[in-house]
Amino acid sequence: MQRAVDALLAVDVLPVQRMTKTGLREFDARGAILDLRVRDDRTLRLVSRHEVPLVRPDDVMAALARVDQDFVPAGTPLFHRRFQGLWDGDRLLDPFGSADWTI
């Protein structure tokens, strides 16, 4: 998994495709990624920018598979949003001002 993450972070642009209600759409998955790390053998930590179109975690998984053909998730990937807020480079700022989270 680390090899795929390194390969994805090494590129500036990586187009992926997703089927939408208006048809097949291609967009840059790499541009929205602020931080992507392997936490253990089965867990990735993704911090992404909320853009239009929204780059979803499954788009990042498709991008990982695109840069490393040997990357195959074990089983069905599960995604969990832990926080949402403003990213200042090393921590997430609570948009309501009640707390800051170091990730």
C-alpha atoms as a PDB file:
ATOM      1  CA  MET A   1       0.000   0.000   0.000  1.00  0.00           C
ATOM      2  CA  GLN A   2       2.854   2.395   0.789  1.00  0.00           C
ATOM      3  CA  ARG A   3       4.239   2.024  -2.731  1.00  0.00           C
ATOM      4  CA  ALA A   4       0.890   3.037  -4.241  1.00  0.00           C
ATOM      5  CA  VAL A   5       0.566   6.031  -1.895  1.00  0.00           C
ATOM      6  CA  ASP A   6       4.103   7.188  -2.721  1.00  0.00           C
ATOM      7  CA  ALA A   7       3.410   6.874  -6.452  1.00  0.00           C
ATOM      8  CA  LEU A   8       0.172   8.858  -6.163  1.00  0.00           C
ATOM      9  CA  LEU A   9       1.767  11.630  -4.107  1.00  0.00           C
ATOM     10  CA  ALA A  10       4.651  11.860  -6.604  1.00  0.00           C
ATOM     11  CA  VAL A  11       2.394  13.083  -9.416  1.00  0.00           C
ATOM     12  CA  ASP A  12       0.814  16.534  -9.711  1.00  0.00           C
ATOM     13  CA  VAL A  13      -2.291  15.481 -11.640  1.00  0.00           C
ATOM     14  CA  LEU A  14      -4.046  12.137 -11.889  1.00  0.00           C
ATOM     15  CA  PRO A  15      -7.305  11.977 -13.813  1.00  0.00           C
ATOM     16  CA  VAL A  16      -9.893   9.405 -12.749  1.00  0.00           C
ATOM     17  CA  GLN A  17     -13.326   8.687 -14.154  1.00  0.00           C
ATOM     18  CA  ARG A  18     -16.635   8.322 -12.379  1.00  0.00           C
ATOM     19  CA  MET A  19     -20.095   7.645 -13.712  1.00  0.00           C
ATOM     20  CA  THR A  20     -22.493  10.428 -12.718  1.00  0.00           C
ATOM     21  CA  LYS A  21     -26.163  10.913 -13.449  1.00  0.00           C
ATOM     22  CA  THR A  22     -25.142  13.020 -16.464  1.00  0.00           C
ATOM     23  CA  GLY A  23     -22.673  10.435 -17.774  1.00  0.00           C
ATOM     24  CA  LEU A  24     -18.999   9.558 -17.469  1.00  0.00           C
ATOM     25  CA  ARG A  25     -16.964  12.385 -15.954  1.00  0.00           C
ATOM     26  CA  GLU A  26     -13.192  12.727 -15.743  1.00  0.00           C
ATOM     27  CA  PHE A  27     -11.511  14.882 -13.102  1.00  0.00           C
ATOM     28  CA  ASP A  28      -8.241  15.253 -11.205  1.00  0.00           C
ATOM     29  CA  ALA A  29      -8.175  13.144  -8.039  1.00  0.00           C
ATOM     30  CA  ARG A  30      -4.647  14.182  -7.023  1.00  0.00           C
ATOM     31  CA  GLY A  31      -5.333  17.905  -6.776  1.00  0.00           C
ATOM     32  CA  ALA A  32      -7.783  17.490  -3.892  1.00  0.00           C
ATOM     33  CA  ILE A  33      -5.442  15.378  -1.750  1.00  0.00           C
ATOM     34  CA  LEU A  34      -3.822  17.450   0.992  1.00  0.00           C
ATOM     35  CA  ASP A  35      -2.406  14.506   2.942  1.00  0.00           C
ATOM     36  CA  LEU A  36      -2.440  10.744   2.422  1.00  0.00           C
ATOM     37  CA  ARG A  37      -0.682   8.345   4.767  1.00  0.00           C
ATOM     38  CA  VAL A  38      -0.541   4.636   5.445  1.00  0.00           C
ATOM     39  CA  ARG A  39      -1.397   4.177   9.121  1.00  0.00           C
ATOM     40  CA  ASP A  40      -1.021   0.389   9.240  1.00  0.00           C
ATOM     41  CA  ASP A  41      -1.343  -2.494   6.790  1.00  0.00           C
ATOM     42  CA  ARG A  42      -5.088  -1.960   6.439  1.00  0.00           C
ATOM     43  CA  THR A  43      -5.693   1.747   7.075  1.00  0.00           C
ATOM     44  CA  LEU A  44      -5.135   4.919   5.072  1.00  0.00           C
ATOM     45  CA  ARG A  45      -5.580   8.418   6.422  1.00  0.00           C
ATOM     46  CA  LEU A  46      -6.814  10.889   3.810  1.00  0.00           C
ATOM     47  CA  VAL A  47      -7.180  14.631   4.198  1.00  0.00           C
ATOM     48  CA  SER A  48      -8.813  16.066   1.118  1.00  0.00           C
ATOM     49  CA  ARG A  49     -10.042  19.426  -0.071  1.00  0.00           C
ATOM     50  CA  HIS A  50     -13.752  19.812  -0.699  1.00  0.00           C
ATOM     51  CA  GLU A  51     -13.943  20.878  -4.345  1.00  0.00           C
ATOM     52  CA  VAL A  52     -16.325  20.636  -7.250  1.00  0.00           C
ATOM     53  CA  PRO A  53     -16.443  17.915  -8.321  1.00  0.00           C
ATOM     54  CA  LEU A  54     -15.986  16.331  -4.929  1.00  0.00           C
ATOM     55  CA  VAL A  55     -13.137  13.812  -4.822  1.00  0.00           C
ATOM     56  CA  ARG A  56     -14.489  10.928  -2.793  1.00  0.00           C
ATOM     57  CA  PRO A  57     -12.462   8.242  -1.027  1.00  0.00           C
ATOM     58  CA  ASP A  58     -13.420   5.705  -3.696  1.00  0.00           C
ATOM     59  CA  ASP A  59     -11.922   8.068  -6.303  1.00  0.00           C
ATOM     60  CA  VAL A  60      -8.674   8.037  -4.313  1.00  0.00           C
ATOM     61  CA  MET A  61      -8.777   4.227  -4.264  1.00  0.00           C
ATOM     62  CA  ALA A  62      -9.199   4.265  -8.059  1.00  0.00           C
ATOM     63  CA  ALA A  63      -6.238   6.649  -8.336  1.00  0.00           C
ATOM     64  CA  LEU A  64      -4.099   4.336  -6.174  1.00  0.00           C
ATOM     65  CA  ALA A  65      -4.979   1.397  -8.412  1.00  0.00           C
ATOM     66  CA  ARG A  66      -4.156   3.491 -11.473  1.00  0.00           C
ATOM     67  CA  VAL A  67      -0.624   4.407 -10.334  1.00  0.00           C
ATOM     68  CA  ASP A  68       0.160   0.916  -8.998  1.00  0.00           C
ATOM     69  CA  GLN A  69      -1.426  -1.971 -10.868  1.00  0.00           C
ATOM     70  CA  ASP A  70      -0.430  -4.334  -8.036  1.00  0.00           C
ATOM     71  CA  PHE A  71      -2.502  -2.347  -5.531  1.00  0.00           C
ATOM     72  CA  VAL A  72      -5.632  -4.310  -4.717  1.00  0.00           C
ATOM     73  CA  PRO A  73      -7.593  -3.519  -1.546  1.00  0.00           C
ATOM     74  CA  ALA A  74      -8.163  -6.540   0.675  1.00  0.00           C
ATOM     75  CA  GLY A  75     -11.932  -6.935   0.663  1.00  0.00           C
ATOM     76  CA  THR A  76     -14.386  -4.087   0.300  1.00  0.00           C
ATOM     77  CA  PRO A  77     -12.918  -0.778   1.475  1.00  0.00           C
ATOM     78  CA  LEU A  78     -14.778   0.952   4.287  1.00  0.00           C
ATOM     79  CA  PHE A  79     -14.636   4.727   4.583  1.00  0.00           C
ATOM     80  CA  HIS A  80     -15.249   6.774   7.694  1.00  0.00           C
ATOM     81  CA  ARG A  81     -15.251  10.572   7.935  1.00  0.00           C
ATOM     82  CA  ARG A  82     -13.707  11.417  11.271  1.00  0.00           C
ATOM     83  CA  PHE A  83     -13.535  15.197  11.036  1.00  0.00           C
ATOM     84  CA  GLN A  84     -14.597  18.034   8.819  1.00  0.00           C
ATOM     85  CA  GLY A  85     -13.191  21.537   8.975  1.00  0.00           C
ATOM     86  CA  LEU A  86     -10.438  23.860   7.794  1.00  0.00           C
ATOM     87  CA  TRP A  87      -6.950  22.394   7.159  1.00  0.00           C
ATOM     88  CA  ASP A  88      -4.004  24.603   8.131  1.00  0.00           C
ATOM     89  CA  GLY A  89      -1.238  22.245   6.976  1.00  0.00           C
ATOM     90  CA  ASP A  90      -0.833  20.012  10.006  1.00  0.00           C
ATOM     91  CA  ARG A  91      -4.110  20.206  11.879  1.00  0.00           C
ATOM     92  CA  LEU A  92      -7.796  20.470  11.222  1.00  0.00           C
ATOM     93  CA  LEU A  93      -9.542  23.551  12.589  1.00  0.00           C
ATOM     94  CA  ASP A  94     -13.089  23.139  13.826  1.00  0.00           C
ATOM     95  CA  PRO A  95     -15.314  25.398  11.656  1.00  0.00           C
ATOM     96  CA  PHE A  96     -17.354  26.242  14.767  1.00  0.00           C
ATOM     97  CA  GLY A  97     -14.259  27.247  16.759  1.00  0.00           C
ATOM     98  CA  SER A  98     -14.794  24.836  19.643  1.00  0.00           C
ATOM     99  CA  ALA A  99     -11.722  22.624  19.123  1.00  0.00           C
ATOM    100  CA  ASP A 100      -8.691  21.935  16.941  1.00  0.00           C
ATOM    101  CA  TRP A 101      -7.779  18.389  16.018  1.00  0.00           C
ATOM    102  CA  THR A 102      -4.228  17.291  15.341  1.00  0.00           C
ATOM    103  CA  ILE A 103      -4.418  14.409  12.938  1.00  0.00           C
END
